[in-house]
Amino acid sequence: MIALTFLFAAALAQAPLPADADRSEVAAPDPCAPDVLSAADSYRVGSGDVVQIQVYGEADLSGSFPVDAAGSVVLPLVGGVKVGGLTAECISVRLTEALADGYLRDPDVTVSLDGYRSQPVSVLGAVKSPGLYYLEGPTTVLQILSRAGGVASDGFDALQLTRAGNENDVLQIPYQPLLSEGRSNVTLGAGDVLFVPDLTITVLGSVKNPGELPYKEGLTVSRCLAAAGGATDVANLGRVYLQRGDQRIRINVRRVLAGKDADLAVESGDRIFVKESSF
């Protein structure tokens, strides 16, 4: 009887474990690993950012800490802790683990962002405040345009978005569908460049204020001359020329003002030249 019991126990020891029996031994993926965090997760910290760290009951360990070029924050006691590519929530986990490793018992750590300097985006062209902006979380094209003060002139067809690392691949974003329907309102990434076409009309020759004028829908030749300060005393309004690409159009503005000829509508990029009278 004893021998049979021994043989049965040995057989059980050699039998394969059920599928669920060894699951606890398989290490679960680290939810805070940078390659596990999805693109939809919160803002990821990078070099140049500043994190606000609060360790409950430990004033010497709390405060604002910059993220260095290596993507680390240097905290008293534990030294450098790698935080680059992590969210604030995951940084809290990492710091809690570091402080609990022989320094504090049950540390209570909270982390928030105190300064955004690691994810620059350039907004250029016809916006009210062109320049360099820093992403402060998931940011769309419309949101960055709002931060730049909005577009300075309308009438253009599309915005141009150049993705970081893909300078030869420019995404054209139709402007009106973007405004009315939110179409192609893509989320921006660090290093992206958003360009708003700067639409102008150039008026040269015998006008009081020659130079560029912002293009607006509905502009005509006579309105452009008025916006340029009007014609000078030596202007020949019968010999006004509009250059549009390779096309050169002669306009008799004197007849236009008299209501005898139609006032020609201008397009972005047109150049108007007012000749002088010959005496």
Protein backbone atom coordinates (compact mmCIF):
# COMPACT_ATOMS: atom_id res chain seq x y z
CA MET A 1 0.00 0.00 0.00
CA ILE A 2 2.82 2.37 0.90
CA ALA A 3 4.56 1.51 -2.38
CA LEU A 4 1.44 2.31 -4.42
CA THR A 5 1.04 5.66 -2.65
CA PHE A 6 4.65 6.51 -3.40
CA LEU A 7 4.26 5.65 -7.09
CA PHE A 8 1.07 7.77 -7.38
CA ALA A 9 2.79 10.79 -5.79
CA ALA A 10 5.74 10.43 -8.15
CA ALA A 11 3.44 10.34 -11.15
CA LEU A 12 1.71 13.53 -10.03
CA ALA A 13 5.06 15.26 -9.63
CA GLN A 14 6.02 14.41 -13.22
CA ALA A 15 2.65 15.35 -14.77
CA PRO A 16 2.53 18.70 -16.66
CA LEU A 17 0.93 21.58 -14.80
CA PRO A 18 -2.39 22.96 -16.07
CA ALA A 19 -2.14 25.91 -18.43
CA ASP A 20 -3.18 28.35 -15.69
CA ALA A 21 -0.76 27.06 -13.09
CA ASP A 22 2.37 28.84 -14.38
CA ARG A 23 0.80 32.12 -15.43
CA SER A 24 1.90 33.84 -12.23
CA GLU A 25 5.49 33.11 -13.14
CA VAL A 26 5.30 34.96 -16.49
CA ALA A 27 6.38 38.58 -16.07
CA ALA A 28 3.69 41.01 -17.15
CA PRO A 29 4.78 43.75 -19.60
CA ASP A 30 5.81 46.99 -17.95
CA PRO A 31 2.91 49.40 -18.65
CA CYS A 32 5.31 52.33 -18.25
CA ALA A 33 7.91 51.17 -20.77
CA PRO A 34 8.21 53.87 -23.47
CA ASP A 35 7.60 51.28 -26.20
CA VAL A 36 4.41 50.11 -24.47
CA LEU A 37 2.83 53.52 -23.98
CA SER A 38 0.50 54.26 -26.87
CA ALA A 39 0.32 57.44 -28.92
CA ALA A 40 -2.98 58.23 -27.19
CA ASP A 41 -1.35 58.37 -23.76
CA SER A 42 -0.69 61.67 -22.01
CA TYR A 43 2.22 63.99 -22.69
CA ARG A 44 5.60 62.27 -22.59
CA VAL A 45 8.42 64.07 -20.87
CA GLY A 46 11.66 64.89 -22.69
CA SER A 47 14.90 66.79 -22.30
CA GLY A 48 14.29 70.43 -21.39
CA ASP A 49 10.97 69.84 -19.61
CA VAL A 50 10.57 70.59 -15.91
CA VAL A 51 8.71 68.20 -13.61
CA GLN A 52 7.12 69.15 -10.30
CA ILE A 53 7.72 66.35 -7.77
CA GLN A 54 5.88 66.15 -4.46
CA VAL A 55 6.98 63.50 -1.93
CA TYR A 56 4.52 63.56 0.95
CA GLY A 57 6.20 64.50 4.20
CA GLU A 58 9.60 64.97 2.54
CA ALA A 59 10.17 68.65 1.74
CA ASP A 60 13.83 68.05 0.83
CA LEU A 61 12.78 65.63 -1.91
CA SER A 62 10.03 67.87 -3.32
CA GLY A 63 10.27 70.70 -5.84
CA SER A 64 10.81 71.42 -9.54
CA PHE A 65 13.44 69.33 -11.30
CA PRO A 66 14.65 69.82 -14.91
CA VAL A 67 14.96 66.87 -17.24
CA ASP A 68 18.58 66.78 -18.41
CA ALA A 69 19.98 65.95 -21.84
CA ALA A 70 20.08 62.26 -20.92
CA GLY A 71 16.35 62.28 -20.13
CA SER A 72 16.85 61.98 -16.36
CA VAL A 73 15.95 63.93 -13.24
CA VAL A 74 18.44 64.05 -10.39
CA LEU A 75 16.68 63.57 -7.06
CA PRO A 76 18.32 63.75 -3.62
CA LEU A 77 19.15 60.33 -2.14
CA VAL A 78 18.53 58.31 -5.30
CA GLY A 79 20.44 60.41 -7.86
CA GLY A 80 19.50 60.22 -11.55
CA VAL A 81 16.24 58.54 -12.52
CA LYS A 82 15.44 57.97 -16.20
CA VAL A 83 12.14 59.65 -17.07
CA GLY A 84 12.49 60.49 -20.78
CA GLY A 85 9.58 59.18 -22.83
CA LEU A 86 7.37 58.62 -19.77
CA THR A 87 4.11 60.25 -18.71
CA ALA A 88 3.76 62.06 -15.37
CA GLU A 89 1.90 59.06 -13.95
CA CYS A 90 4.68 56.69 -14.94
CA ILE A 91 7.36 59.01 -13.56
CA SER A 92 5.54 58.85 -10.23
CA VAL A 93 5.75 55.06 -10.38
CA ARG A 94 9.47 55.11 -11.20
CA LEU A 95 10.29 57.56 -8.40
CA THR A 96 8.21 55.60 -5.91
CA GLU A 97 10.15 52.45 -6.81
CA ALA A 98 13.49 54.26 -6.52
CA LEU A 99 12.70 55.80 -3.13
CA ALA A 100 11.28 52.55 -1.75
CA ASP A 101 14.51 50.74 -2.61
CA GLY A 102 16.20 51.27 0.76
CA TYR A 103 15.44 54.96 1.32
CA LEU A 104 11.80 55.53 2.37
CA ARG A 105 9.05 53.28 3.63
CA ASP A 106 5.88 53.50 1.53
CA PRO A 107 6.77 56.78 -0.25
CA ASP A 108 3.83 58.80 -1.57
CA VAL A 109 4.92 60.53 -4.78
CA THR A 110 2.93 62.75 -7.16
CA VAL A 111 4.32 64.27 -10.35
CA SER A 112 3.06 67.01 -12.66
CA LEU A 113 4.55 69.04 -15.51
CA ASP A 114 5.90 72.45 -14.56
CA GLY A 115 7.49 73.48 -17.87
CA TYR A 116 7.21 72.33 -21.48
CA ARG A 117 10.37 72.69 -23.57
CA SER A 118 11.04 69.35 -25.22
CA GLN A 119 8.56 69.21 -28.12
CA PRO A 120 8.86 72.29 -30.34
CA VAL A 121 6.57 73.00 -33.29
CA SER A 122 7.15 75.84 -35.77
CA VAL A 123 4.18 77.87 -37.00
CA LEU A 124 5.23 80.05 -39.93
CA GLY A 125 3.70 82.30 -42.57
CA ALA A 126 0.50 84.32 -42.34
CA VAL A 127 -0.40 83.90 -38.67
CA LYS A 128 -0.62 86.75 -36.19
CA SER A 129 2.20 85.45 -33.98
CA PRO A 130 4.51 83.19 -36.01
CA GLY A 131 7.30 81.42 -34.18
CA LEU A 132 8.23 78.41 -32.09
CA TYR A 133 5.65 76.78 -29.84
CA TYR A 134 5.96 73.86 -27.44
CA LEU A 135 3.43 71.06 -27.26
CA GLU A 136 1.73 70.73 -23.88
CA GLY A 137 0.00 67.45 -24.55
CA PRO A 138 -1.84 66.14 -27.60
CA THR A 139 -2.24 69.23 -29.82
CA THR A 140 -4.06 69.50 -33.15
CA VAL A 141 -3.53 71.84 -36.09
CA LEU A 142 -6.49 74.02 -35.09
CA GLN A 143 -5.27 74.25 -31.51
CA ILE A 144 -1.77 75.37 -32.52
CA LEU A 145 -3.27 77.94 -34.94
CA SER A 146 -5.29 79.31 -32.03
CA ARG A 147 -2.16 79.61 -29.90
CA ALA A 148 -0.49 81.47 -32.78
CA GLY A 149 -3.32 84.02 -32.81
CA GLY A 150 -5.12 82.64 -35.83
CA VAL A 151 -4.42 83.30 -39.51
CA ALA A 152 -3.57 86.84 -40.55
CA SER A 153 -5.33 86.65 -43.93
CA ASP A 154 -7.73 84.32 -45.65
CA GLY A 155 -8.37 83.27 -49.21
CA PHE A 156 -5.71 80.57 -49.44
CA ASP A 157 -6.55 76.98 -50.29
CA ALA A 158 -4.46 74.83 -47.97
CA LEU A 159 -2.06 74.77 -45.05
CA GLN A 160 1.24 72.95 -45.45
CA LEU A 161 2.38 70.55 -42.73
CA THR A 162 5.89 69.13 -42.85
CA ARG A 163 6.41 66.23 -40.48
CA ALA A 164 9.68 66.01 -38.57
CA GLY A 165 12.13 63.80 -40.43
CA ASN A 166 10.06 63.92 -43.65
CA GLU A 167 11.03 67.26 -45.17
CA ASN A 168 10.24 66.03 -48.69
CA ASP A 169 6.73 64.87 -47.77
CA VAL A 170 4.50 67.93 -47.25
CA LEU A 171 0.91 67.29 -46.20
CA GLN A 172 -1.62 69.67 -47.77
CA ILE A 173 -4.49 70.44 -45.38
CA PRO A 174 -7.49 72.11 -47.10
CA TYR A 175 -8.27 75.16 -44.97
CA GLN A 176 -12.04 75.61 -45.34
CA PRO A 177 -12.90 71.92 -44.69
CA LEU A 178 -10.57 72.10 -41.69
CA LEU A 179 -12.53 75.05 -40.28
CA SER A 180 -16.04 73.91 -41.12
CA GLU A 181 -15.77 70.15 -40.60
CA GLY A 182 -12.56 69.59 -38.67
CA ARG A 183 -11.28 67.53 -41.59
CA SER A 184 -7.55 66.65 -41.45
CA ASN A 185 -7.24 68.22 -38.01
CA VAL A 186 -4.26 66.01 -37.30
CA THR A 187 -2.33 65.79 -34.04
CA LEU A 188 1.09 67.41 -34.23
CA GLY A 189 4.40 65.93 -33.17
CA ALA A 190 7.71 67.35 -32.00
CA GLY A 191 9.64 68.98 -34.84
CA ASP A 192 6.64 69.50 -37.14
CA VAL A 193 6.45 72.69 -39.21
CA LEU A 194 3.06 74.24 -40.04
CA PHE A 195 3.08 76.88 -42.79
CA VAL A 196 0.19 79.23 -43.57
CA PRO A 197 0.58 80.71 -47.08
CA ASP A 198 1.30 84.43 -46.95
CA LEU A 199 -1.03 85.80 -49.63
CA THR A 200 -0.10 89.21 -50.97
CA ILE A 201 -0.61 91.61 -53.86
CA THR A 202 2.29 93.83 -54.97
CA VAL A 203 1.63 97.39 -56.15
CA LEU A 204 4.55 99.28 -57.71
CA GLY A 205 5.19 102.41 -59.73
CA SER A 206 3.42 105.72 -59.37
CA VAL A 207 1.50 105.14 -56.16
CA LYS A 208 2.08 106.89 -52.83
CA ASN A 209 2.85 103.73 -50.81
CA PRO A 210 4.27 101.06 -53.13
CA GLY A 211 4.83 97.58 -51.72
CA GLU A 212 2.92 94.48 -50.69
CA LEU A 213 -0.71 94.35 -49.59
CA PRO A 214 -2.43 91.43 -47.84
CA TYR A 215 -4.68 89.56 -50.22
CA LYS A 216 -8.38 89.37 -49.44
CA GLU A 217 -11.16 87.90 -51.50
CA GLY A 218 -12.98 90.56 -53.51
CA LEU A 219 -10.01 92.85 -54.07
CA THR A 220 -9.89 94.65 -57.43
CA VAL A 221 -7.23 96.69 -59.20
CA SER A 222 -8.75 100.04 -58.23
CA ARG A 223 -9.11 98.98 -54.58
CA CYS A 224 -5.46 97.91 -54.55
CA LEU A 225 -4.41 101.31 -55.84
CA ALA A 226 -6.50 102.97 -53.13
CA ALA A 227 -4.98 100.73 -50.47
CA ALA A 228 -1.52 101.73 -51.73
CA GLY A 229 -2.32 105.37 -50.93
CA GLY A 230 -3.68 106.26 -54.34
CA ALA A 231 -1.92 107.35 -57.50
CA THR A 232 0.70 110.08 -57.52
CA ASP A 233 0.32 113.32 -59.47
CA VAL A 234 2.46 111.92 -62.30
CA ALA A 235 0.64 108.60 -62.60
CA ASN A 236 -0.79 107.55 -65.93
CA LEU A 237 -3.99 105.76 -64.94
CA GLY A 238 -4.60 104.85 -68.56
CA ARG A 239 -1.52 102.62 -68.53
CA VAL A 240 -1.75 100.30 -65.54
CA TYR A 241 -0.45 96.76 -65.97
CA LEU A 242 -1.24 93.60 -64.04
CA GLN A 243 1.32 90.79 -64.15
CA ARG A 244 -0.10 87.33 -63.39
CA GLY A 245 2.43 84.63 -64.03
CA ASP A 246 3.42 84.95 -67.68
CA GLN A 247 0.29 86.95 -68.49
CA ARG A 248 0.48 90.78 -68.75
CA ILE A 249 -2.84 92.63 -68.75
CA ARG A 250 -3.24 96.32 -69.55
CA ILE A 251 -5.94 98.14 -67.57
CA ASN A 252 -7.30 101.63 -68.16
CA VAL A 253 -8.09 102.60 -64.57
CA ARG A 254 -9.35 105.99 -65.74
CA ARG A 255 -12.15 104.26 -67.66
CA VAL A 256 -12.76 101.92 -64.68
CA LEU A 257 -13.25 104.88 -62.33
CA ALA A 258 -15.60 106.47 -64.87
CA GLY A 259 -17.72 103.31 -64.90
CA LYS A 260 -16.91 102.56 -68.54
CA ASP A 261 -14.83 99.42 -67.95
CA ALA A 262 -15.16 96.59 -65.43
CA ASP A 263 -12.84 96.63 -62.43
CA LEU A 264 -10.61 93.55 -62.72
CA ALA A 265 -10.54 91.22 -59.70
CA VAL A 266 -7.03 90.40 -58.51
CA GLU A 267 -5.58 87.10 -57.37
CA SER A 268 -2.95 86.29 -54.77
CA GLY A 269 0.51 86.82 -56.21
CA ASP A 270 -0.57 89.44 -58.78
CA ARG A 271 1.76 92.39 -59.40
CA ILE A 272 0.30 95.77 -60.38
CA PHE A 273 2.46 98.45 -61.96
CA VAL A 274 1.32 102.04 -62.50
CA LYS A 275 3.22 103.86 -65.24
CA GLU A 276 4.20 107.52 -65.08
CA SER A 277 2.80 110.07 -67.49
CA SER A 278 5.20 111.19 -70.21
CA PHE A 279 5.50 114.95 -70.60
